[in-house]
Amino acid sequence: MHKIIKIILVVVGLIGAALWFMLPESEMPASEAINNGALNAMFVITWLLLGIAIVSSVVFALKNLFSNPASLKKSLFVVVGFLLVIGIGYVMASGTDVNIREMADRGVSTNESEIKQIGAGINVFFILTLVAVGAMLWGGVRKMIK
């Protein structure tokens, strides 16, 4: 299997190298360069490889996660904790932080629900920042004590 993957990667690399030399000149207008087949093929290869990387990383991560019950339990605690932080951030958000009429006057159409979601995201960011700083401080203090 490892040899097959290496062969596929070499073939994709050779195709990419061939397409590189077929790219349009830098003087070509962007409107014409967009229709270049080599450029579009390189984008297709890029998206294909990105999709393969995402799918394989998710599949192998889930495989390793479910193969060890202890890691599954830890991961469940982390997911529940993160959902709890999101819930706390949403409850803390008011949704009235911004005047909706003033936003509409500036050309930004929004409603109270969107403002509350943005506020919740900011609150979650602050909570997780505090947790990260606290964890670093706790680790430093523990290391100093020992």
C-alpha atoms as a PDB file:
ATOM      1  CA  MET A   1       0.000   0.000   0.000  1.00  0.00           C
ATOM      2  CA  HIS A   2       2.849   2.377   0.871  1.00  0.00           C
ATOM      3  CA  LYS A   3       4.483   1.833  -2.548  1.00  0.00           C
ATOM      4  CA  ILE A   4       1.192   2.523  -4.329  1.00  0.00           C
ATOM      5  CA  ILE A   5       0.815   5.828  -2.510  1.00  0.00           C
ATOM      6  CA  LYS A   6       4.388   6.787  -3.397  1.00  0.00           C
ATOM      7  CA  ILE A   7       3.764   5.997  -7.067  1.00  0.00           C
ATOM      8  CA  ILE A   8       0.541   8.033  -7.059  1.00  0.00           C
ATOM      9  CA  LEU A   9       2.338  10.977  -5.438  1.00  0.00           C
ATOM     10  CA  VAL A  10       5.128  10.837  -8.038  1.00  0.00           C
ATOM     11  CA  VAL A  11       2.577  10.771 -10.867  1.00  0.00           C
ATOM     12  CA  VAL A  12       0.652  13.713  -9.379  1.00  0.00           C
ATOM     13  CA  GLY A  13       3.937  15.594  -8.930  1.00  0.00           C
ATOM     14  CA  LEU A  14       4.910  14.990 -12.557  1.00  0.00           C
ATOM     15  CA  ILE A  15       1.486  16.136 -13.741  1.00  0.00           C
ATOM     16  CA  GLY A  16       1.830  19.266 -11.597  1.00  0.00           C
ATOM     17  CA  ALA A  17       5.299  19.957 -12.996  1.00  0.00           C
ATOM     18  CA  ALA A  18       4.020  19.577 -16.567  1.00  0.00           C
ATOM     19  CA  LEU A  19       1.096  21.893 -15.830  1.00  0.00           C
ATOM     20  CA  TRP A  20       3.481  24.429 -14.289  1.00  0.00           C
ATOM     21  CA  PHE A  21       5.191  24.937 -17.640  1.00  0.00           C
ATOM     22  CA  MET A  22       1.813  25.317 -19.347  1.00  0.00           C
ATOM     23  CA  LEU A  23       0.691  28.196 -17.123  1.00  0.00           C
ATOM     24  CA  PRO A  24      -0.085  31.513 -18.825  1.00  0.00           C
ATOM     25  CA  GLU A  25       2.529  34.257 -19.043  1.00  0.00           C
ATOM     26  CA  SER A  26       2.520  36.943 -16.361  1.00  0.00           C
ATOM     27  CA  GLU A  27       1.737  39.617 -18.975  1.00  0.00           C
ATOM     28  CA  MET A  28      -1.532  37.885 -19.913  1.00  0.00           C
ATOM     29  CA  PRO A  29      -4.624  39.737 -18.628  1.00  0.00           C
ATOM     30  CA  ALA A  30      -6.381  38.058 -15.714  1.00  0.00           C
ATOM     31  CA  SER A  31      -9.615  37.737 -17.687  1.00  0.00           C
ATOM     32  CA  GLU A  32      -7.831  35.531 -20.220  1.00  0.00           C
ATOM     33  CA  ALA A  33      -5.681  33.672 -17.689  1.00  0.00           C
ATOM     34  CA  ILE A  34      -8.791  32.505 -15.835  1.00  0.00           C
ATOM     35  CA  ASN A  35      -9.793  30.390 -18.830  1.00  0.00           C
ATOM     36  CA  ASN A  36      -6.415  28.616 -19.011  1.00  0.00           C
ATOM     37  CA  GLY A  37      -6.829  24.840 -18.843  1.00  0.00           C
ATOM     38  CA  ALA A  38      -3.530  24.220 -17.051  1.00  0.00           C
ATOM     39  CA  LEU A  39      -4.433  26.665 -14.294  1.00  0.00           C
ATOM     40  CA  ASN A  40      -7.840  25.064 -13.841  1.00  0.00           C
ATOM     41  CA  ALA A  41      -6.281  21.589 -13.796  1.00  0.00           C
ATOM     42  CA  MET A  42      -3.848  22.676 -11.078  1.00  0.00           C
ATOM     43  CA  PHE A  43      -6.764  23.962  -9.009  1.00  0.00           C
ATOM     44  CA  VAL A  44      -8.592  20.658  -9.473  1.00  0.00           C
ATOM     45  CA  ILE A  45      -5.513  18.714  -8.351  1.00  0.00           C
ATOM     46  CA  THR A  46      -5.109  21.021  -5.348  1.00  0.00           C
ATOM     47  CA  TRP A  47      -8.725  20.588  -4.248  1.00  0.00           C
ATOM     48  CA  LEU A  48      -8.525  16.836  -4.815  1.00  0.00           C
ATOM     49  CA  LEU A  49      -5.376  16.477  -2.702  1.00  0.00           C
ATOM     50  CA  LEU A  50      -6.846  18.724   0.008  1.00  0.00           C
ATOM     51  CA  GLY A  51      -9.993  16.608   0.101  1.00  0.00           C
ATOM     52  CA  ILE A  52      -7.987  13.390   0.331  1.00  0.00           C
ATOM     53  CA  ALA A  53      -5.877  14.839   3.152  1.00  0.00           C
ATOM     54  CA  ILE A  54      -8.931  15.968   5.119  1.00  0.00           C
ATOM     55  CA  VAL A  55     -10.794  12.682   4.697  1.00  0.00           C
ATOM     56  CA  SER A  56      -7.784  10.539   5.571  1.00  0.00           C
ATOM     57  CA  SER A  57      -6.900  12.607   8.636  1.00  0.00           C
ATOM     58  CA  VAL A  58     -10.485  12.441   9.931  1.00  0.00           C
ATOM     59  CA  VAL A  59     -10.767   8.703   9.235  1.00  0.00           C
ATOM     60  CA  PHE A  60      -7.469   7.829  10.938  1.00  0.00           C
ATOM     61  CA  ALA A  61      -8.197  10.127  13.875  1.00  0.00           C
ATOM     62  CA  LEU A  62     -11.585   8.482  14.417  1.00  0.00           C
ATOM     63  CA  LYS A  63     -10.035   5.021  13.994  1.00  0.00           C
ATOM     64  CA  ASN A  64      -7.440   5.750  16.678  1.00  0.00           C
ATOM     65  CA  LEU A  65     -10.050   7.396  18.883  1.00  0.00           C
ATOM     66  CA  PHE A  66     -12.400   4.417  18.858  1.00  0.00           C
ATOM     67  CA  SER A  67      -9.605   1.856  19.244  1.00  0.00           C
ATOM     68  CA  ASN A  68      -8.740   3.139  22.733  1.00  0.00           C
ATOM     69  CA  PRO A  69     -11.629   3.514  25.230  1.00  0.00           C
ATOM     70  CA  ALA A  70      -9.585   5.742  27.570  1.00  0.00           C
ATOM     71  CA  SER A  71      -8.892   8.267  24.812  1.00  0.00           C
ATOM     72  CA  LEU A  72     -12.540   8.133  23.794  1.00  0.00           C
ATOM     73  CA  LYS A  73     -13.552   9.049  27.345  1.00  0.00           C
ATOM     74  CA  LYS A  74     -11.061  11.945  27.459  1.00  0.00           C
ATOM     75  CA  SER A  75     -12.255  13.211  24.092  1.00  0.00           C
ATOM     76  CA  LEU A  76     -15.853  13.056  25.265  1.00  0.00           C
ATOM     77  CA  PHE A  77     -14.949  15.180  28.302  1.00  0.00           C
ATOM     78  CA  VAL A  78     -13.234  17.729  26.055  1.00  0.00           C
ATOM     79  CA  VAL A  79     -16.211  17.917  23.668  1.00  0.00           C
ATOM     80  CA  VAL A  80     -18.698  18.287  26.535  1.00  0.00           C
ATOM     81  CA  GLY A  81     -16.492  20.958  28.114  1.00  0.00           C
ATOM     82  CA  PHE A  82     -16.298  22.866  24.838  1.00  0.00           C
ATOM     83  CA  LEU A  83     -20.070  22.673  24.382  1.00  0.00           C
ATOM     84  CA  LEU A  84     -20.458  23.939  27.953  1.00  0.00           C
ATOM     85  CA  VAL A  85     -18.174  26.901  27.187  1.00  0.00           C
ATOM     86  CA  ILE A  86     -20.228  27.654  24.060  1.00  0.00           C
ATOM     87  CA  GLY A  87     -23.418  27.528  26.112  1.00  0.00           C
ATOM     88  CA  ILE A  88     -21.976  29.869  28.747  1.00  0.00           C
ATOM     89  CA  GLY A  89     -20.770  32.254  26.027  1.00  0.00           C
ATOM     90  CA  TYR A  90     -24.205  32.298  24.410  1.00  0.00           C
ATOM     91  CA  VAL A  91     -25.977  32.936  27.721  1.00  0.00           C
ATOM     92  CA  MET A  92     -23.563  35.777  28.517  1.00  0.00           C
ATOM     93  CA  ALA A  93     -24.181  37.476  25.134  1.00  0.00           C
ATOM     94  CA  SER A  94     -26.910  40.097  25.244  1.00  0.00           C
ATOM     95  CA  GLY A  95     -27.677  40.654  21.565  1.00  0.00           C
ATOM     96  CA  THR A  96     -28.198  44.372  22.180  1.00  0.00           C
ATOM     97  CA  ASP A  97     -24.557  45.431  22.009  1.00  0.00           C
ATOM     98  CA  VAL A  98     -25.052  47.178  18.662  1.00  0.00           C
ATOM     99  CA  ASN A  99     -27.802  49.487  17.466  1.00  0.00           C
ATOM    100  CA  ILE A 100     -29.485  47.613  14.602  1.00  0.00           C
ATOM    101  CA  ARG A 101     -30.817  50.815  12.995  1.00  0.00           C
ATOM    102  CA  GLU A 102     -27.332  52.362  12.880  1.00  0.00           C
ATOM    103  CA  MET A 103     -25.965  49.189  11.284  1.00  0.00           C
ATOM    104  CA  ALA A 104     -28.723  49.313   8.644  1.00  0.00           C
ATOM    105  CA  ASP A 105     -27.876  52.958   7.932  1.00  0.00           C
ATOM    106  CA  ARG A 106     -24.301  51.874   7.208  1.00  0.00           C
ATOM    107  CA  GLY A 107     -25.494  49.204   4.783  1.00  0.00           C
ATOM    108  CA  VAL A 108     -25.118  46.207   7.109  1.00  0.00           C
ATOM    109  CA  SER A 109     -28.384  44.364   7.493  1.00  0.00           C
ATOM    110  CA  THR A 110     -28.424  42.354  10.689  1.00  0.00           C
ATOM    111  CA  ASN A 111     -30.761  41.271  13.445  1.00  0.00           C
ATOM    112  CA  GLU A 112     -30.562  40.649  17.160  1.00  0.00           C
ATOM    113  CA  SER A 113     -29.947  36.918  16.715  1.00  0.00           C
ATOM    114  CA  GLU A 114     -26.847  37.499  14.569  1.00  0.00           C
ATOM    115  CA  ILE A 115     -25.519  40.056  17.043  1.00  0.00           C
ATOM    116  CA  LYS A 116     -26.048  37.575  19.885  1.00  0.00           C
ATOM    117  CA  GLN A 117     -24.184  34.861  17.962  1.00  0.00           C
ATOM    118  CA  ILE A 118     -21.252  37.192  17.307  1.00  0.00           C
ATOM    119  CA  GLY A 119     -21.215  38.195  20.977  1.00  0.00           C
ATOM    120  CA  ALA A 120     -21.287  34.528  21.949  1.00  0.00           C
ATOM    121  CA  GLY A 121     -18.297  33.841  19.705  1.00  0.00           C
ATOM    122  CA  ILE A 122     -16.361  36.692  21.290  1.00  0.00           C
ATOM    123  CA  ASN A 123     -17.284  35.457  24.774  1.00  0.00           C
ATOM    124  CA  VAL A 124     -16.157  31.914  23.898  1.00  0.00           C
ATOM    125  CA  PHE A 125     -12.854  33.325  22.626  1.00  0.00           C
ATOM    126  CA  PHE A 126     -12.316  35.218  25.891  1.00  0.00           C
ATOM    127  CA  ILE A 127     -13.238  32.217  28.045  1.00  0.00           C
ATOM    128  CA  LEU A 128     -10.911  29.892  26.130  1.00  0.00           C
ATOM    129  CA  THR A 129      -8.127  32.501  26.304  1.00  0.00           C
ATOM    130  CA  LEU A 130      -8.538  32.680  30.076  1.00  0.00           C
ATOM    131  CA  VAL A 131      -8.487  28.884  30.295  1.00  0.00           C
ATOM    132  CA  ALA A 132      -5.310  28.708  28.186  1.00  0.00           C
ATOM    133  CA  VAL A 133      -3.530  31.387  30.220  1.00  0.00           C
ATOM    134  CA  GLY A 134      -4.662  29.725  33.447  1.00  0.00           C
ATOM    135  CA  ALA A 135      -3.374  26.351  32.253  1.00  0.00           C
ATOM    136  CA  MET A 136       0.011  27.863  31.384  1.00  0.00           C
ATOM    137  CA  LEU A 137       0.243  29.590  34.744  1.00  0.00           C
ATOM    138  CA  TRP A 138      -0.829  26.436  36.574  1.00  0.00           C
ATOM    139  CA  GLY A 139       1.788  24.398  34.744  1.00  0.00           C
ATOM    140  CA  GLY A 140       4.490  26.960  35.512  1.00  0.00           C
ATOM    141  CA  VAL A 141       3.555  27.123  39.200  1.00  0.00           C
ATOM    142  CA  ARG A 142       3.501  23.320  39.487  1.00  0.00           C
ATOM    143  CA  LYS A 143       6.916  23.116  37.834  1.00  0.00           C
ATOM    144  CA  MET A 144       8.323  25.746  40.208  1.00  0.00           C
ATOM    145  CA  ILE A 145       6.965  23.908  43.271  1.00  0.00           C
ATOM    146  CA  LYS A 146       8.462  20.561  42.280  1.00  0.00           C
END
